[in-house]
Amino acid sequence: MTAAGAFALVSVPLRLYLGGVFVVAGYAKILEPFDFALSVATYQILPLSLINLFAILLPWLELFTGAFLIVGLLTKENAFLISVMMVMFTVALGIALGKGLQINCGCFASGEAAAEISYRTLLRDLVWLAMGLFVWKYDDGRFGVDRFLGRHRHA
């Protein structure tokens, strides 16, 4: 097996895990849009006029990109989108931590069940960013729907 083939194989469990994370996160936010909007507002980054739109659209983007990543549909594109979201989340966390805000993450749950942001949250997001970039670079489409759509690249 070539190095590229090994990396493609390693990308599969990463793809499944990261896709699952985003499906769970998106679904939780869809169930509680008001609470998620409040979480977004506490970061003090977006103008108030954009918070509701962001809180409505982001969870659906998370849900669909995660689901598509799990089944291996448009894998490279969805891994890239997830990586972009992870950069956005990491920057937002960094800004909030830099301001000394003691707020809930809003990552998976809202209200009392939500975890407070910390440098551990930031580190976790950086790991997920690295996973997304790995899948984006190395997944060749052979273990997903992309293979049946002729999007498989031989490693």
N, C-alpha and C. Protein backbone atom coordinates (compact mmCIF):
# COMPACT_ATOMS: atom_id res chain seq x y z
N MET A 1 0.85 -1.18 0.00
CA MET A 1 0.00 0.00 0.00
C MET A 1 0.89 1.24 0.00
N THR A 2 0.54 2.19 -0.83
CA THR A 2 1.29 3.44 -0.91
C THR A 2 0.96 4.33 0.29
N ALA A 3 1.79 5.34 0.50
CA ALA A 3 1.52 6.30 1.58
C ALA A 3 0.20 7.01 1.34
N ALA A 4 -0.07 7.37 0.08
CA ALA A 4 -1.33 8.05 -0.24
C ALA A 4 -2.52 7.14 0.06
N GLY A 5 -2.37 5.85 -0.24
CA GLY A 5 -3.44 4.90 0.05
C GLY A 5 -3.66 4.74 1.54
N ALA A 6 -2.56 4.72 2.30
CA ALA A 6 -2.67 4.62 3.76
C ALA A 6 -3.34 5.86 4.34
N PHE A 7 -2.94 7.03 3.85
CA PHE A 7 -3.56 8.27 4.33
C PHE A 7 -5.05 8.30 3.99
N ALA A 8 -5.39 7.81 2.80
CA ALA A 8 -6.81 7.76 2.40
C ALA A 8 -7.59 6.85 3.34
N LEU A 9 -6.97 5.74 3.73
CA LEU A 9 -7.62 4.80 4.64
C LEU A 9 -7.79 5.42 6.03
N VAL A 10 -6.77 6.12 6.51
CA VAL A 10 -6.85 6.78 7.82
C VAL A 10 -7.91 7.88 7.81
N SER A 11 -8.12 8.49 6.66
CA SER A 11 -9.09 9.59 6.60
C SER A 11 -10.53 9.12 6.82
N VAL A 12 -10.80 7.83 6.60
CA VAL A 12 -12.18 7.34 6.72
C VAL A 12 -12.72 7.46 8.14
N PRO A 13 -12.04 6.92 9.17
CA PRO A 13 -12.59 7.10 10.52
C PRO A 13 -12.62 8.57 10.95
N LEU A 14 -11.66 9.35 10.49
CA LEU A 14 -11.68 10.79 10.80
C LEU A 14 -12.90 11.45 10.17
N ARG A 15 -13.19 11.07 8.94
CA ARG A 15 -14.35 11.61 8.23
C ARG A 15 -15.65 11.24 8.94
N LEU A 16 -15.76 9.99 9.37
CA LEU A 16 -16.97 9.53 10.06
C LEU A 16 -17.13 10.24 11.40
N TYR A 17 -16.04 10.36 12.15
CA TYR A 17 -16.09 11.01 13.46
C TYR A 17 -16.47 12.49 13.31
N LEU A 18 -15.76 13.19 12.45
CA LEU A 18 -16.01 14.62 12.28
C LEU A 18 -17.41 14.87 11.74
N GLY A 19 -17.85 14.05 10.81
CA GLY A 19 -19.21 14.16 10.31
C GLY A 19 -20.23 13.98 11.42
N GLY A 20 -19.99 13.00 12.28
CA GLY A 20 -20.88 12.76 13.42
C GLY A 20 -20.92 13.94 14.38
N VAL A 21 -19.76 14.53 14.64
CA VAL A 21 -19.69 15.70 15.51
C VAL A 21 -20.57 16.82 14.95
N PHE A 22 -20.47 17.05 13.65
CA PHE A 22 -21.22 18.15 13.05
C PHE A 22 -22.72 17.85 12.95
N VAL A 23 -23.09 16.61 12.73
CA VAL A 23 -24.51 16.25 12.73
C VAL A 23 -25.10 16.48 14.11
N VAL A 24 -24.42 16.02 15.14
CA VAL A 24 -24.92 16.18 16.51
C VAL A 24 -24.99 17.67 16.88
N ALA A 25 -23.94 18.42 16.56
CA ALA A 25 -23.92 19.85 16.90
C ALA A 25 -25.03 20.60 16.17
N GLY A 26 -25.18 20.33 14.89
CA GLY A 26 -26.21 21.02 14.11
C GLY A 26 -27.60 20.68 14.59
N TYR A 27 -27.84 19.40 14.85
CA TYR A 27 -29.16 18.96 15.30
C TYR A 27 -29.54 19.61 16.63
N ALA A 28 -28.59 19.64 17.56
CA ALA A 28 -28.85 20.24 18.88
C ALA A 28 -29.23 21.72 18.73
N LYS A 29 -28.58 22.42 17.83
CA LYS A 29 -28.86 23.85 17.63
C LYS A 29 -30.19 24.07 16.91
N ILE A 30 -30.53 23.17 16.01
CA ILE A 30 -31.81 23.27 15.30
C ILE A 30 -32.97 23.13 16.29
N LEU A 31 -32.80 22.28 17.29
CA LEU A 31 -33.86 22.06 18.28
C LEU A 31 -34.07 23.27 19.19
N GLU A 32 -33.04 24.08 19.38
CA GLU A 32 -33.10 25.22 20.30
C GLU A 32 -32.57 26.49 19.63
N PRO A 33 -33.23 26.99 18.59
CA PRO A 33 -32.67 28.13 17.85
C PRO A 33 -32.55 29.41 18.69
N PHE A 34 -33.50 29.64 19.58
CA PHE A 34 -33.44 30.85 20.40
C PHE A 34 -32.23 30.80 21.34
N ASP A 35 -32.04 29.64 21.99
CA ASP A 35 -30.90 29.49 22.89
C ASP A 35 -29.58 29.62 22.14
N PHE A 36 -29.54 29.06 20.92
CA PHE A 36 -28.31 29.17 20.14
C PHE A 36 -28.05 30.62 19.74
N ALA A 37 -29.09 31.34 19.38
CA ALA A 37 -28.93 32.76 19.04
C ALA A 37 -28.38 33.54 20.23
N LEU A 38 -28.85 33.23 21.43
CA LEU A 38 -28.32 33.88 22.63
C LEU A 38 -26.85 33.54 22.83
N SER A 39 -26.49 32.28 22.58
CA SER A 39 -25.08 31.88 22.70
C SER A 39 -24.21 32.66 21.72
N VAL A 40 -24.69 32.80 20.49
CA VAL A 40 -23.95 33.56 19.47
C VAL A 40 -23.78 35.00 19.92
N ALA A 41 -24.83 35.59 20.46
CA ALA A 41 -24.78 36.99 20.89
C ALA A 41 -23.76 37.21 22.00
N THR A 42 -23.60 36.23 22.89
CA THR A 42 -22.68 36.41 24.01
C THR A 42 -21.22 36.51 23.58
N TYR A 43 -20.89 36.06 22.39
CA TYR A 43 -19.52 36.18 21.89
C TYR A 43 -19.17 37.64 21.54
N GLN A 44 -20.18 38.47 21.34
CA GLN A 44 -19.99 39.89 21.07
C GLN A 44 -19.11 40.13 19.83
N ILE A 45 -19.36 39.34 18.79
CA ILE A 45 -18.59 39.47 17.54
C ILE A 45 -19.49 39.94 16.41
N LEU A 46 -20.61 39.27 16.22
CA LEU A 46 -21.53 39.62 15.13
C LEU A 46 -22.39 40.81 15.51
N PRO A 47 -22.74 41.64 14.52
CA PRO A 47 -23.72 42.68 14.81
C PRO A 47 -25.07 42.04 15.13
N LEU A 48 -25.83 42.68 15.98
CA LEU A 48 -27.12 42.13 16.39
C LEU A 48 -28.02 41.82 15.20
N SER A 49 -27.91 42.59 14.14
CA SER A 49 -28.77 42.39 12.97
C SER A 49 -28.49 41.07 12.24
N LEU A 50 -27.33 40.46 12.48
CA LEU A 50 -26.97 39.20 11.79
C LEU A 50 -27.13 37.96 12.66
N ILE A 51 -27.33 38.14 13.94
CA ILE A 51 -27.32 37.00 14.86
C ILE A 51 -28.42 35.99 14.54
N ASN A 52 -29.65 36.43 14.33
CA ASN A 52 -30.73 35.48 14.06
C ASN A 52 -30.51 34.71 12.76
N LEU A 53 -30.09 35.41 11.71
CA LEU A 53 -29.82 34.74 10.44
C LEU A 53 -28.71 33.69 10.61
N PHE A 54 -27.65 34.08 11.28
CA PHE A 54 -26.54 33.16 11.54
C PHE A 54 -27.02 31.95 12.34
N ALA A 55 -27.82 32.21 13.39
CA ALA A 55 -28.29 31.13 14.26
C ALA A 55 -29.27 30.20 13.56
N ILE A 56 -29.90 30.66 12.51
CA ILE A 56 -30.81 29.81 11.74
C ILE A 56 -30.05 29.01 10.69
N LEU A 57 -29.12 29.64 9.99
CA LEU A 57 -28.43 28.99 8.87
C LEU A 57 -27.31 28.05 9.30
N LEU A 58 -26.51 28.45 10.28
CA LEU A 58 -25.35 27.65 10.66
C LEU A 58 -25.70 26.22 11.06
N PRO A 59 -26.71 26.00 11.90
CA PRO A 59 -27.00 24.61 12.28
C PRO A 59 -27.35 23.70 11.10
N TRP A 60 -28.07 24.24 10.13
CA TRP A 60 -28.41 23.44 8.94
C TRP A 60 -27.17 23.15 8.11
N LEU A 61 -26.27 24.12 8.01
CA LEU A 61 -25.01 23.90 7.31
C LEU A 61 -24.21 22.81 8.02
N GLU A 62 -24.15 22.89 9.34
CA GLU A 62 -23.44 21.86 10.11
C GLU A 62 -24.06 20.49 9.90
N LEU A 63 -25.38 20.42 9.98
CA LEU A 63 -26.07 19.15 9.83
C LEU A 63 -25.81 18.52 8.46
N PHE A 64 -25.97 19.30 7.41
CA PHE A 64 -25.81 18.74 6.07
C PHE A 64 -24.36 18.44 5.72
N THR A 65 -23.43 19.32 6.08
CA THR A 65 -22.02 19.01 5.78
C THR A 65 -21.58 17.78 6.57
N GLY A 66 -22.03 17.66 7.81
CA GLY A 66 -21.69 16.48 8.60
C GLY A 66 -22.27 15.21 8.00
N ALA A 67 -23.54 15.24 7.61
CA ALA A 67 -24.18 14.06 7.02
C ALA A 67 -23.51 13.67 5.71
N PHE A 68 -23.20 14.67 4.88
CA PHE A 68 -22.54 14.38 3.61
C PHE A 68 -21.15 13.81 3.84
N LEU A 69 -20.47 14.29 4.87
CA LEU A 69 -19.14 13.76 5.18
C LEU A 69 -19.26 12.30 5.62
N ILE A 70 -20.25 11.98 6.41
CA ILE A 70 -20.43 10.60 6.88
C ILE A 70 -20.64 9.65 5.71
N VAL A 71 -21.48 10.01 4.76
CA VAL A 71 -21.75 9.09 3.65
C VAL A 71 -20.73 9.22 2.53
N GLY A 72 -19.84 10.19 2.64
CA GLY A 72 -18.81 10.35 1.62
C GLY A 72 -19.33 10.98 0.34
N LEU A 73 -20.22 11.94 0.47
CA LEU A 73 -20.77 12.66 -0.68
C LEU A 73 -20.12 14.03 -0.76
N LEU A 74 -19.52 14.33 -1.91
CA LEU A 74 -18.79 15.59 -2.07
C LEU A 74 -17.83 15.77 -0.90
N THR A 75 -17.07 14.73 -0.65
CA THR A 75 -16.24 14.65 0.55
C THR A 75 -15.25 15.79 0.66
N LYS A 76 -14.51 16.05 -0.39
CA LYS A 76 -13.50 17.13 -0.35
C LYS A 76 -14.16 18.47 -0.06
N GLU A 77 -15.27 18.73 -0.74
CA GLU A 77 -15.95 20.02 -0.57
C GLU A 77 -16.47 20.19 0.85
N ASN A 78 -17.06 19.12 1.39
CA ASN A 78 -17.62 19.21 2.74
C ASN A 78 -16.54 19.23 3.81
N ALA A 79 -15.44 18.51 3.59
CA ALA A 79 -14.32 18.60 4.53
C ALA A 79 -13.75 20.01 4.52
N PHE A 80 -13.70 20.64 3.35
CA PHE A 80 -13.22 22.02 3.27
C PHE A 80 -14.17 22.96 4.01
N LEU A 81 -15.48 22.81 3.79
CA LEU A 81 -16.46 23.65 4.49
C LEU A 81 -16.37 23.48 6.00
N ILE A 82 -16.21 22.26 6.45
CA ILE A 82 -16.08 22.02 7.89
C ILE A 82 -14.79 22.66 8.40
N SER A 83 -13.72 22.58 7.63
CA SER A 83 -12.47 23.22 8.04
C SER A 83 -12.63 24.73 8.14
N VAL A 84 -13.34 25.32 7.20
CA VAL A 84 -13.60 26.77 7.25
C VAL A 84 -14.42 27.11 8.49
N MET A 85 -15.44 26.29 8.78
CA MET A 85 -16.23 26.54 10.00
C MET A 85 -15.36 26.40 11.24
N MET A 86 -14.45 25.42 11.24
CA MET A 86 -13.58 25.25 12.41
C MET A 86 -12.66 26.45 12.58
N VAL A 87 -12.17 27.02 11.49
CA VAL A 87 -11.36 28.24 11.60
C VAL A 87 -12.22 29.34 12.22
N MET A 88 -13.44 29.49 11.73
CA MET A 88 -14.35 30.51 12.25
C MET A 88 -14.61 30.30 13.75
N PHE A 89 -14.88 29.06 14.14
CA PHE A 89 -15.15 28.77 15.55
C PHE A 89 -13.91 29.03 16.41
N THR A 90 -12.74 28.64 15.90
CA THR A 90 -11.50 28.82 16.64
C THR A 90 -11.19 30.30 16.84
N VAL A 91 -11.38 31.08 15.80
CA VAL A 91 -11.16 32.53 15.91
C VAL A 91 -12.14 33.14 16.91
N ALA A 92 -13.41 32.75 16.84
CA ALA A 92 -14.41 33.28 17.77
C ALA A 92 -14.05 32.91 19.21
N LEU A 93 -13.64 31.67 19.43
CA LEU A 93 -13.23 31.26 20.77
C LEU A 93 -12.02 32.05 21.25
N GLY A 94 -11.05 32.21 20.37
CA GLY A 94 -9.85 32.97 20.72
C GLY A 94 -10.17 34.41 21.10
N ILE A 95 -11.05 35.03 20.33
CA ILE A 95 -11.46 36.41 20.63
C ILE A 95 -12.17 36.47 21.99
N ALA A 96 -13.09 35.55 22.21
CA ALA A 96 -13.84 35.53 23.47
C ALA A 96 -12.92 35.28 24.67
N LEU A 97 -12.00 34.33 24.51
CA LEU A 97 -11.05 34.06 25.59
C LEU A 97 -10.13 35.25 25.82
N GLY A 98 -9.71 35.89 24.73
CA GLY A 98 -8.86 37.07 24.83
C GLY A 98 -9.55 38.23 25.55
N LYS A 99 -10.85 38.33 25.37
CA LYS A 99 -11.63 39.37 26.06
C LYS A 99 -11.92 39.00 27.51
N GLY A 100 -11.62 37.76 27.87
CA GLY A 100 -11.90 37.31 29.23
C GLY A 100 -13.36 36.98 29.48
N LEU A 101 -14.11 36.72 28.41
CA LEU A 101 -15.53 36.41 28.56
C LEU A 101 -15.69 35.04 29.21
N GLN A 102 -16.61 34.94 30.13
CA GLN A 102 -16.95 33.66 30.75
C GLN A 102 -18.34 33.30 30.25
N ILE A 103 -18.36 32.65 29.10
CA ILE A 103 -19.61 32.36 28.41
C ILE A 103 -19.68 30.88 28.06
N ASN A 104 -20.89 30.42 27.76
CA ASN A 104 -21.06 29.06 27.28
C ASN A 104 -20.64 28.97 25.83
N CYS A 105 -20.09 27.83 25.49
CA CYS A 105 -19.59 27.61 24.13
C CYS A 105 -20.69 27.72 23.08
N GLY A 106 -21.84 27.11 23.33
CA GLY A 106 -22.88 27.07 22.31
C GLY A 106 -22.57 26.05 21.23
N CYS A 107 -21.60 25.20 21.48
CA CYS A 107 -21.14 24.24 20.47
C CYS A 107 -22.13 23.10 20.25
N PHE A 108 -22.66 22.55 21.33
CA PHE A 108 -23.56 21.40 21.23
C PHE A 108 -24.87 21.62 21.93
N ALA A 109 -24.83 22.21 23.10
CA ALA A 109 -26.04 22.39 23.90
C ALA A 109 -26.12 23.84 24.35
N SER A 110 -27.30 24.24 24.68
CA SER A 110 -27.52 25.59 25.17
C SER A 110 -28.02 25.52 26.60
N GLY A 111 -28.10 26.65 27.21
CA GLY A 111 -28.62 26.71 28.57
C GLY A 111 -27.67 26.11 29.57
N GLU A 112 -28.22 25.47 30.57
CA GLU A 112 -27.40 24.93 31.66
C GLU A 112 -26.51 23.77 31.22
N ALA A 113 -26.88 23.06 30.17
CA ALA A 113 -26.09 21.91 29.72
C ALA A 113 -24.86 22.33 28.93
N ALA A 114 -24.78 23.58 28.54
CA ALA A 114 -23.67 24.03 27.70
C ALA A 114 -22.39 24.17 28.52
N ALA A 115 -21.28 23.83 27.89
CA ALA A 115 -19.98 23.94 28.55
C ALA A 115 -19.44 25.36 28.39
N GLU A 116 -18.78 25.83 29.44
CA GLU A 116 -18.15 27.15 29.37
C GLU A 116 -16.89 27.06 28.50
N ILE A 117 -16.61 28.13 27.76
CA ILE A 117 -15.43 28.12 26.90
C ILE A 117 -14.16 28.09 27.75
N SER A 118 -13.13 27.48 27.17
CA SER A 118 -11.84 27.39 27.86
C SER A 118 -10.76 27.16 26.80
N TYR A 119 -9.52 27.17 27.25
CA TYR A 119 -8.44 26.86 26.32
C TYR A 119 -8.50 25.40 25.88
N ARG A 120 -9.11 24.57 26.69
CA ARG A 120 -9.32 23.17 26.28
C ARG A 120 -10.28 23.11 25.09
N THR A 121 -11.33 23.94 25.11
CA THR A 121 -12.26 24.01 23.99
C THR A 121 -11.53 24.46 22.73
N LEU A 122 -10.65 25.44 22.90
CA LEU A 122 -9.87 25.95 21.78
C LEU A 122 -8.97 24.85 21.21
N LEU A 123 -8.31 24.10 22.08
CA LEU A 123 -7.45 23.01 21.64
C LEU A 123 -8.26 21.94 20.91
N ARG A 124 -9.43 21.60 21.45
CA ARG A 124 -10.30 20.62 20.80
C ARG A 124 -10.66 21.08 19.39
N ASP A 125 -11.00 22.35 19.24
CA ASP A 125 -11.36 22.87 17.93
C ASP A 125 -10.18 22.84 16.97
N LEU A 126 -8.98 23.08 17.47
CA LEU A 126 -7.79 23.00 16.62
C LEU A 126 -7.55 21.57 16.15
N VAL A 127 -7.80 20.60 17.02
CA VAL A 127 -7.67 19.19 16.63
C VAL A 127 -8.70 18.86 15.55
N TRP A 128 -9.93 19.32 15.74
CA TRP A 128 -10.96 19.07 14.73
C TRP A 128 -10.64 19.77 13.42
N LEU A 129 -10.04 20.93 13.48
CA LEU A 129 -9.59 21.62 12.27
C LEU A 129 -8.54 20.77 11.55
N ALA A 130 -7.58 20.26 12.30
CA ALA A 130 -6.54 19.41 11.70
C ALA A 130 -7.16 18.16 11.06
N MET A 131 -8.16 17.58 11.72
CA MET A 131 -8.84 16.41 11.16
C MET A 131 -9.54 16.77 9.85
N GLY A 132 -10.23 17.90 9.84
CA GLY A 132 -10.92 18.34 8.62
C GLY A 132 -9.96 18.56 7.47
N LEU A 133 -8.83 19.19 7.77
CA LEU A 133 -7.83 19.43 6.72
C LEU A 133 -7.22 18.12 6.23
N PHE A 134 -7.02 17.17 7.14
CA PHE A 134 -6.49 15.87 6.74
C PHE A 134 -7.45 15.17 5.79
N VAL A 135 -8.73 15.16 6.14
CA VAL A 135 -9.74 14.54 5.27
C VAL A 135 -9.78 15.27 3.94
N TRP A 136 -9.76 16.59 3.96
CA TRP A 136 -9.79 17.38 2.73
C TRP A 136 -8.61 17.03 1.82
N LYS A 137 -7.44 16.87 2.41
CA LYS A 137 -6.25 16.61 1.60
C LYS A 137 -6.15 15.15 1.14
N TYR A 138 -6.50 14.20 2.01
CA TYR A 138 -6.16 12.81 1.73
C TYR A 138 -7.32 11.89 1.36
N ASP A 139 -8.55 12.23 1.71
CA ASP A 139 -9.64 11.32 1.35
C ASP A 139 -9.78 11.28 -0.16
N ASP A 140 -9.74 10.08 -0.71
CA ASP A 140 -9.78 9.97 -2.17
C ASP A 140 -11.14 9.50 -2.70
N GLY A 141 -12.13 9.40 -1.83
CA GLY A 141 -13.48 9.09 -2.27
C GLY A 141 -13.80 7.63 -2.45
N ARG A 142 -12.85 6.75 -2.17
CA ARG A 142 -13.11 5.33 -2.45
C ARG A 142 -14.06 4.67 -1.46
N PHE A 143 -14.23 5.24 -0.27
CA PHE A 143 -15.08 4.63 0.75
C PHE A 143 -16.31 5.48 1.02
N GLY A 144 -17.02 5.83 -0.02
CA GLY A 144 -18.22 6.64 0.16
C GLY A 144 -19.00 6.75 -1.14
N VAL A 145 -20.02 7.56 -1.11
CA VAL A 145 -20.88 7.77 -2.27
C VAL A 145 -20.09 8.33 -3.44
N ASP A 146 -19.06 9.11 -3.16
CA ASP A 146 -18.25 9.69 -4.24
C ASP A 146 -17.74 8.62 -5.21
N ARG A 147 -17.44 7.44 -4.70
CA ARG A 147 -16.95 6.36 -5.56
C ARG A 147 -17.99 5.99 -6.62
N PHE A 148 -19.26 5.97 -6.22
CA PHE A 148 -20.32 5.58 -7.14
C PHE A 148 -20.71 6.71 -8.08
N LEU A 149 -20.26 7.91 -7.76
CA LEU A 149 -20.52 9.07 -8.62
C LEU A 149 -19.34 9.34 -9.56
N GLY A 150 -18.36 8.44 -9.52
CA GLY A 150 -17.19 8.61 -10.38
C GLY A 150 -16.24 9.68 -9.88
N ARG A 151 -16.31 10.02 -8.60
CA ARG A 151 -15.44 11.05 -8.04
C ARG A 151 -14.25 10.44 -7.30
N HIS A 152 -14.08 9.14 -7.41
CA HIS A 152 -12.98 8.44 -6.73
C HIS A 152 -11.69 8.68 -7.49
N ARG A 153 -10.64 9.06 -6.74
CA ARG A 153 -9.31 9.23 -7.33
C ARG A 153 -8.44 8.09 -6.84
N HIS A 154 -7.81 7.40 -7.72
CA HIS A 154 -6.95 6.28 -7.34
C HIS A 154 -5.68 6.81 -6.68
N ALA A 155 -5.36 6.21 -5.53
CA ALA A 155 -4.16 6.64 -4.80
C ALA A 155 -2.98 5.78 -5.20
